[in-house]
Structure formats: C-alpha cells, structure tokens
Protein backbone atom coordinates (compact mmCIF):
# COMPACT_ATOMS: atom_id res chain seq x y z
CA MET A 1 98.01 150.63 -67.68
CA ALA A 2 99.38 149.53 -70.92
CA VAL A 3 97.29 150.12 -73.98
CA LEU A 4 97.49 147.39 -76.67
CA VAL A 5 95.78 145.84 -79.73
CA GLY A 6 95.65 142.16 -78.87
CA HIS A 7 95.55 138.79 -80.71
CA ARG A 8 91.80 138.78 -80.61
CA ALA A 9 91.51 142.33 -82.26
CA ILE A 10 93.95 141.37 -84.92
CA MET A 11 92.07 138.26 -85.85
CA GLN A 12 88.80 140.05 -85.57
CA ALA A 13 89.78 142.72 -88.06
CA PHE A 14 90.93 140.04 -90.61
CA HIS A 15 87.60 138.00 -90.19
CA VAL A 16 85.67 141.17 -90.61
CA GLN A 17 87.56 142.05 -93.81
CA ALA A 18 87.39 138.78 -95.28
CA ALA A 19 83.52 138.55 -94.69
CA GLY A 20 83.12 141.02 -97.54
CA ARG A 21 79.93 142.48 -95.98
CA ASN A 22 80.38 146.23 -95.60
CA SER A 23 84.03 145.29 -94.96
CA SER A 24 85.78 148.82 -94.86
CA SER A 25 83.31 150.37 -92.51
CA ARG A 26 82.93 147.31 -90.22
CA LEU A 27 86.78 146.93 -90.08
CA ALA A 28 87.03 150.60 -89.02
CA ASN A 29 84.23 149.89 -86.40
CA VAL A 30 86.18 146.80 -85.14
CA LEU A 31 89.49 148.40 -84.66
CA SER A 32 88.14 151.47 -82.83
CA CYS A 33 86.79 149.22 -80.21
CA PHE A 34 90.11 147.86 -79.47
CA ARG A 35 92.04 150.59 -77.96
CA HIS A 36 91.60 148.79 -74.68
CA SER A 37 93.34 147.81 -71.49
CA TRP A 38 93.17 144.29 -69.77
CA LYS A 39 93.25 143.88 -66.01
CA VAL A 40 93.40 140.71 -63.99
CA SER A 41 90.30 140.63 -61.75
CA GLY A 42 91.24 141.60 -58.36
CA GLY A 43 94.57 143.36 -59.59
CA HIS A 44 95.71 146.22 -61.39
CA GLY A 45 98.75 145.19 -63.49
CA ALA A 46 98.50 145.32 -67.41
CA VAL A 47 98.46 142.06 -69.29
CA THR A 48 100.16 141.38 -72.48
CA ARG A 49 99.70 137.60 -73.14
CA PRO A 50 96.81 136.02 -74.81
CA TYR A 51 96.58 133.71 -71.97
CA SER A 52 98.68 132.00 -69.36
CA SER A 53 98.51 129.17 -66.62
CA ASP A 54 99.30 131.75 -63.80
CA SER A 55 96.29 131.36 -61.14
CA LYS A 56 96.25 135.07 -61.06
CA ASP A 57 95.27 135.31 -64.49
CA ASP A 58 92.22 132.86 -64.32
CA VAL A 59 89.90 135.70 -65.14
CA ARG A 60 90.56 138.73 -67.06
CA VAL A 61 88.43 141.83 -67.42
CA ARG A 62 88.72 144.35 -70.27
CA TYR A 63 87.00 147.57 -70.48
CA LEU A 64 86.47 148.58 -74.09
CA ASP A 65 86.74 152.16 -75.30
CA GLY A 66 87.09 154.07 -78.39
CA GLU A 67 84.12 155.12 -80.38
CA ASP A 68 80.59 155.62 -78.61
CA LYS A 69 79.20 152.30 -79.58
CA CYS A 70 82.19 150.46 -77.78
CA SER A 71 82.27 152.63 -74.72
CA GLY A 72 80.54 150.75 -71.71
CA ILE A 73 81.22 147.14 -72.96
CA VAL A 74 82.98 145.03 -70.59
CA VAL A 75 84.56 141.51 -71.58
CA VAL A 76 85.08 139.13 -68.97
CA GLY A 77 87.46 136.34 -70.23
CA MET A 78 88.16 133.00 -68.45
CA ASN A 79 91.53 131.85 -68.89
CA ARG A 80 92.53 128.38 -67.35
CA PRO A 81 94.20 126.73 -70.66
CA LYS A 82 95.51 123.76 -68.78
CA ALA A 83 92.31 123.02 -67.01
CA LYS A 84 89.98 124.07 -69.84
CA ASN A 85 88.53 126.78 -67.81
CA ALA A 86 87.15 124.41 -65.14
CA ILE A 87 85.47 125.89 -62.31
CA SER A 88 87.82 126.08 -59.33
CA ARG A 89 87.80 127.85 -55.93
CA ASN A 90 90.10 130.46 -57.36
CA LEU A 91 88.13 130.99 -60.61
CA VAL A 92 84.94 131.31 -58.45
CA LYS A 93 86.65 133.89 -56.29
CA MET A 94 87.93 135.91 -59.21
CA MET A 95 84.76 135.95 -61.22
CA SER A 96 82.88 136.96 -58.03
CA GLU A 97 85.16 139.85 -57.72
CA ALA A 98 84.74 140.85 -61.37
CA VAL A 99 80.76 140.63 -61.19
CA GLU A 100 80.98 142.80 -57.92
CA ASP A 101 83.19 145.57 -59.70
CA ILE A 102 80.90 145.56 -62.83
CA LYS A 103 77.79 145.74 -60.57
CA LYS A 104 79.24 148.88 -58.76
CA ASN A 105 80.24 150.57 -62.13
CA ASN A 106 77.44 152.79 -63.56
CA LYS A 107 79.36 153.42 -66.63
CA VAL A 108 79.02 149.69 -67.88
CA ARG A 109 76.20 149.12 -70.39
CA SER A 110 76.75 145.59 -71.32
CA VAL A 111 78.98 142.54 -70.32
CA ILE A 112 80.32 139.73 -72.60
CA PHE A 113 81.30 136.53 -70.76
CA CYS A 114 83.85 134.58 -73.11
CA SER A 115 86.84 132.37 -72.92
CA LEU A 116 90.50 133.22 -73.67
CA VAL A 117 91.29 129.60 -74.31
CA PRO A 118 90.56 128.47 -77.92
CA GLY A 119 88.15 125.70 -78.28
CA ILE A 120 86.71 125.86 -74.71
CA PHE A 121 84.06 127.91 -72.92
CA CYS A 122 84.15 126.27 -69.64
CA ALA A 123 84.43 122.46 -69.06
CA GLY A 124 82.39 122.56 -65.93
CA ALA A 125 83.59 121.83 -62.43
CA ASP A 126 87.36 121.33 -61.61
CA LEU A 127 87.04 117.55 -60.92
CA LYS A 128 90.56 117.10 -59.82
CA GLU A 129 90.20 119.78 -57.34
CA ARG A 130 86.84 118.35 -56.21
CA ALA A 131 88.39 114.90 -55.74
CA LYS A 132 90.68 116.54 -52.98
CA MET A 133 87.81 118.00 -51.12
CA GLN A 134 86.44 116.62 -48.01
CA GLN A 135 82.83 115.51 -48.41
CA SER A 136 81.69 118.36 -46.15
CA GLU A 137 83.53 120.93 -48.30
CA VAL A 138 81.76 119.93 -51.53
CA GLY A 139 78.39 121.35 -50.44
CA ALA A 140 79.80 124.72 -49.48
CA PHE A 141 81.96 125.14 -52.79
CA VAL A 142 78.83 124.19 -54.74
CA SER A 143 77.02 126.93 -52.95
CA LYS A 144 79.63 129.51 -53.52
CA ALA A 145 79.50 128.54 -57.22
CA ARG A 146 75.74 128.74 -57.20
CA ALA A 147 75.92 132.13 -55.58
CA LEU A 148 78.20 133.34 -58.29
CA ILE A 149 75.90 132.19 -61.17
CA THR A 150 73.03 133.88 -59.38
CA GLU A 151 74.85 137.10 -59.13
CA LEU A 152 75.85 136.99 -62.66
CA GLY A 153 72.15 136.52 -63.62
CA ASN A 154 71.45 139.52 -61.33
CA LEU A 155 73.69 141.80 -62.87
CA PRO A 156 71.55 144.94 -63.89
CA VAL A 157 72.97 145.41 -67.49
CA PRO A 158 72.59 143.14 -70.52
CA THR A 159 74.77 140.10 -70.36
CA ILE A 160 75.90 137.84 -73.26
CA ALA A 161 77.63 134.60 -73.30
CA ALA A 162 79.97 134.00 -76.34
CA ILE A 163 80.28 130.28 -76.57
CA ASP A 164 83.05 129.39 -78.89
CA GLY A 165 83.86 126.02 -77.58
CA ALA A 166 82.66 123.48 -75.14
CA ALA A 167 80.28 124.66 -72.36
CA LEU A 168 79.62 121.69 -70.04
CA GLY A 169 78.03 121.40 -66.69
CA GLY A 170 78.60 124.41 -64.72
CA GLY A 171 80.02 126.09 -67.86
CA LEU A 172 76.76 125.66 -69.49
CA GLU A 173 75.01 126.91 -66.21
CA MET A 174 77.02 130.04 -66.31
CA ALA A 175 75.88 130.84 -69.95
CA LEU A 176 72.31 129.99 -68.87
CA ALA A 177 72.53 132.88 -66.36
CA CYS A 178 73.25 135.34 -69.09
CA ASP A 179 70.52 137.22 -70.90
CA ILE A 180 71.73 136.04 -74.34
CA ARG A 181 73.72 133.20 -75.79
CA ILE A 182 75.72 133.00 -78.96
CA ALA A 183 77.35 129.85 -79.94
CA SER A 184 79.58 128.79 -82.75
CA ASN A 185 78.13 125.96 -84.94
CA THR A 186 80.95 123.70 -83.45
CA ALA A 187 80.45 124.61 -79.94
CA LYS A 188 79.42 121.71 -77.67
CA MET A 189 76.94 122.24 -74.79
CA GLY A 190 75.28 120.14 -72.22
CA LEU A 191 74.20 119.41 -68.44
CA VAL A 192 76.12 116.27 -68.23
CA GLU A 193 76.09 115.69 -64.54
CA THR A 194 74.12 112.56 -64.22
CA LYS A 195 77.07 110.89 -66.08
CA LEU A 196 78.85 111.38 -62.50
CA ALA A 197 75.75 110.36 -60.52
CA ILE A 198 75.05 113.95 -59.40
CA ILE A 199 72.61 116.84 -60.68
CA PRO A 200 73.28 120.17 -62.09
CA GLY A 201 73.90 122.13 -58.94
CA GLY A 202 74.54 125.75 -60.41
CA GLY A 203 70.90 126.45 -61.32
CA GLY A 204 70.78 124.10 -64.42
CA THR A 205 67.64 122.41 -63.44
CA GLN A 206 65.82 125.66 -63.11
CA ARG A 207 67.19 127.79 -65.82
CA LEU A 208 67.41 125.25 -68.71
CA PRO A 209 63.62 124.32 -68.54
CA ARG A 210 62.79 128.16 -68.56
CA ALA A 211 64.88 128.45 -71.62
CA ILE A 212 63.75 125.48 -73.66
CA GLY A 213 60.68 123.94 -71.80
CA MET A 214 60.38 121.47 -69.11
CA SER A 215 60.08 118.35 -71.41
CA LEU A 216 63.20 119.05 -73.51
CA ALA A 217 65.24 120.05 -70.41
CA LYS A 218 64.32 116.68 -68.73
CA GLU A 219 65.39 114.93 -71.85
CA LEU A 220 68.73 116.54 -72.10
CA ILE A 221 69.50 116.29 -68.26
CA PHE A 222 68.40 112.83 -67.87
CA ALA A 223 70.43 111.69 -70.66
CA ALA A 224 73.48 114.03 -70.20
CA ARG A 225 73.19 114.83 -73.78
CA VAL A 226 75.51 117.04 -75.62
CA VAL A 227 74.42 119.23 -78.51
CA ASP A 228 76.37 121.26 -81.01
CA GLY A 229 75.70 125.18 -81.55
CA THR A 230 73.41 124.40 -84.50
CA GLU A 231 71.03 122.10 -82.50
CA ALA A 232 71.24 124.32 -79.51
CA CYS A 233 69.78 127.11 -81.57
CA ARG A 234 67.10 124.97 -82.87
CA LEU A 235 66.30 124.06 -79.39
CA GLY A 236 66.18 127.59 -78.29
CA LEU A 237 69.11 127.11 -75.87
CA VAL A 238 71.10 129.83 -77.55
CA SER A 239 69.80 132.81 -79.53
CA HIS A 240 72.13 132.73 -82.49
CA SER A 241 74.50 129.98 -83.86
CA VAL A 242 77.37 131.43 -86.11
CA GLU A 243 79.72 129.46 -88.30
CA GLN A 244 83.13 129.28 -86.66
CA ASN A 245 85.91 130.88 -88.21
CA ASN A 246 89.83 130.33 -88.45
CA SER A 247 90.48 132.24 -85.38
CA ALA A 248 87.84 130.41 -83.35
CA ASP A 249 86.04 133.58 -82.04
CA ALA A 250 82.97 133.73 -84.28
CA ALA A 251 80.58 133.88 -81.33
CA TYR A 252 82.73 136.51 -79.51
CA LEU A 253 82.58 138.62 -82.75
CA ARG A 254 78.90 138.17 -82.96
CA ALA A 255 78.43 138.97 -79.11
CA LEU A 256 80.60 142.15 -79.76
CA GLU A 257 78.25 143.20 -82.83
CA LEU A 258 75.25 142.66 -80.47
CA ALA A 259 76.75 144.64 -77.57
CA ARG A 260 77.34 147.58 -79.96
CA GLU A 261 73.83 147.46 -81.17
CA ILE A 262 72.71 147.63 -77.53
CA ASN A 263 74.96 150.31 -76.35
CA PRO A 264 73.51 153.49 -77.96
CA GLN A 265 70.12 152.84 -76.37
CA GLY A 266 69.10 154.69 -73.11
CA PRO A 267 71.20 152.81 -70.40
CA ILE A 268 68.42 153.34 -67.54
CA ALA A 269 65.68 152.13 -69.95
CA VAL A 270 67.70 148.96 -70.81
CA ARG A 271 68.24 148.31 -67.27
CA MET A 272 64.63 148.90 -66.44
CA ALA A 273 63.37 146.72 -69.29
CA LYS A 274 65.65 143.85 -67.92
CA LEU A 275 64.27 144.14 -64.52
CA ALA A 276 60.77 144.24 -65.69
CA ILE A 277 61.30 141.03 -67.89
CA ASN A 278 63.28 139.13 -65.23
CA GLN A 279 60.89 139.83 -62.51
CA GLY A 280 57.57 139.71 -64.58
CA ILE A 281 58.37 136.26 -66.03
CA GLU A 282 58.11 134.77 -62.58
CA VAL A 283 54.86 135.98 -61.54
CA ASP A 284 51.33 136.07 -62.96
CA LEU A 285 50.52 138.59 -65.79
CA SER A 286 48.66 140.90 -63.63
CA THR A 287 51.52 141.24 -61.21
CA GLY A 288 53.91 141.37 -64.10
CA LEU A 289 52.07 144.31 -65.51
CA ALA A 290 52.36 146.09 -62.09
CA ILE A 291 56.17 145.36 -62.26
CA GLU A 292 56.29 146.85 -65.72
CA GLU A 293 54.46 150.00 -64.43
CA ALA A 294 56.82 150.54 -61.51
CA CYS A 295 59.79 150.12 -63.90
CA TYR A 296 58.22 152.55 -66.36
CA ALA A 297 58.00 155.19 -63.43
CA GLN A 298 61.71 154.99 -62.92
CA VAL A 299 62.51 156.36 -66.49
CA ILE A 300 60.08 159.20 -66.81
CA PRO A 301 62.19 161.58 -64.64
CA THR A 302 65.33 160.84 -66.14
CA LYS A 303 67.36 163.36 -68.39
CA ASP A 304 67.74 160.62 -70.99
CA ARG A 305 64.21 160.49 -71.72
CA LEU A 306 64.12 164.31 -72.42
CA GLU A 307 67.20 163.87 -74.39
CA GLY A 308 65.56 161.23 -76.53
CA LEU A 309 62.42 163.54 -77.18
CA ALA A 310 64.75 166.26 -78.02
CA ALA A 311 66.77 164.38 -80.50
CA PHE A 312 63.66 163.09 -82.17
CA LYS A 313 62.44 166.64 -82.72
CA GLU A 314 65.73 167.74 -84.01
CA LYS A 315 66.36 164.73 -86.18
CA ARG A 316 69.60 163.73 -84.65
CA ARG A 317 71.16 160.83 -82.62
CA PRO A 318 70.54 160.99 -79.00
CA HIS A 319 73.34 161.21 -76.64
CA TYR A 320 72.33 159.21 -73.48
CA LYS A 321 74.48 159.77 -70.33
CA GLY A 322 72.58 157.31 -67.78
CA GLU A 323 71.09 160.23 -65.86
C-alpha cells in the first residue's frame, strides 16, 4: 500500500506552524503522524486523491502510524462530494464495514469521524435516493441507518466527531453517537427532519436530549433549528468550538490533538471507563456503581496495570500494550 503525505497533512502542518504556539515541536508532532496509508472501506487499493465521486470511495479509512501518540488512531472520512456526504445505501454499507473492521482490531485506540469534503460533515439522508424508494423500502433503509449509528455508538474505543461543516439530520445523529464532538465555529448543526414532516430516525430524539437536556432538545427538534459551532458549544451539543482555518479542517486538527492526548493512556482502562460511563448513565446510581466495580475488576489482572505502577516507581513513561 502506498505511503503518502496528503493535502490534509500539508495544510495541517502549515496551520500548526502559523499558530505560533510551540510551533516547532507541534509541527514535528503533526508530520510524524502522517506517514499513513489510506484504504477504501471494503477494499485494499491505495488512494492518492483528496476526494472523488466514485461510489467505491464513499468512505475512506486511514490508520495513522509514526510516533507512539499517533499509532492506533483511525480516521474514517466520508467522501461524497457531489452529494454533500448524504447518507445513501452505499455509504451505510461502507460505513458499516469500516465500523466492523475497527471493532475487530484490538490495536485501535481512538477513532476520528470526519469529512473529506470541504464545508460539509454530512447533509443527512440522500433525499434523491429516498425519493426513488418504494414506501415499503423506506422503513427498512432507516432501520439499517439506525443500526449503523447504534454500532458506531457501541464501538469500544473513544470516538470523536470532527465537524468542519454542515451536520444536518442523520449527519448530526452520527455525530451524536460519538463520545466527543468538536466543531468549527462556522459549522452548522441541526435535526431538521420536521421540515420534511418526519422525525429524526437515527437516534436523534434520544441522544440529543441526553446531550443537552429535554427542553432544549425539544425546542431544536420542534423548530428544526440550525445552530453554528459557537452556539452548539454553548448548548453543550459539542465539547469544543474552534475557529475555522483557511484549509477548513480546524475541527479535525483539534480532534487529532485530542486523540493524541488519549492514546498514551492504558487502552484497556480507557475501554472499561467508556463502558462504565455508557452503561452507568442509563441506570440508577446504585446499579451504576456496581457496573463500575465490574469494569474495575477487568483492569486488575492486566499487565498494563503492573506497567503503570512500575513506571510510576521508576519515574518514567509507561508503555502500555493493551494486555
């Protein structure tokens, strides 16, 4: 598989250098992450273009390597430039394959979901394709899309949605299934389904209230309101809002920084922490504490726990292997 430094890596290096905040060291760190390979989900060929309109390129998966803090980061990029990354049958199929591959790979430590199309995260359902469906097909397709978003939410490793453009309808529902959302200040987000006389069908009616509270979620859904990244951060819809840059990938860059911050931590511990939080938040406190205890029990016999203690004693960085 070909090794390349792509457009996004070059623009990222420029942005970091221009930022002026520890620019030399950050530039080196950034470039070290991008000795990478792209592969098309479900395929094995090397990809050398920033984006294309070929349906087999609708989703691209990149496994970063290089320095320790980058190894284990997976970037999943949506890539339907002509359709604004609208959710089609093929995109659902390829995203499902990508999620399944990630789930089976124990070396993965964090996943970034982003767009390879400037100015767009995901515009929601592919309404042109939807219009050609028989009424009986619509429900089945929505069920598949909902199942994909559920599987995305059930990935055992931390997931970060990097929202550098519009995330509407099902696009926002995908982002809501991620553990952490980061948006550029200019990104537009909203569950706009009521404009089409339908309701969110990919988990939006359930995940949005859990993210920002019931009353605000009702207001946004009832009114089909669209908010920008700054307002989304104020509402708690996203964790961070960052000023967009000239290369239109500011949220992606911040997501990569966060993934690099997560990666050195004990991978089994991070997985168990995610499981404890996700399961515990759905039950009463007493049951949640029992879930936490059960998850804690999983880390006690690990080699990583012993490595952490040894590294602390020897005043060195721990080297966790996920064992």
